[in-house]
Amino acid sequence: MTWWLIVLGAVAILLLIKPSRDFLLSTVARIRGFLREVVDELKKVAWPTRKELKNSTGLVVLSMLILMVFVAVVDLLLGAILGLIVR
């Protein structure tokens, strides 16, 4: 679901229930508080350096290549074994 569908749904609900001004103001205040907390938490995140990111990405790619070869070999072997059994 895309974000605009969520916004459209929220607007439709607000039009249906016709909330009071105080409710809307308190809701906006809570959303602002939530977003402020999100920004504060993101400032605490220990983001990886470019070198760490390159190393981690290389390790993931290498691991996937090894796994790909392993699965291909097992698939070929099992296919050959099943081929002998079926004959």
Foldseek 3Di string as FASTA:
>chain_A
DDPVVVVVVVVVVCVVVVDDPVVVVVVVVVVVVVVVVVVVVVVVDDDDDPVVVVVVVVVVVVVVVVVVVVVVVVVVVVVVVVVVVVD
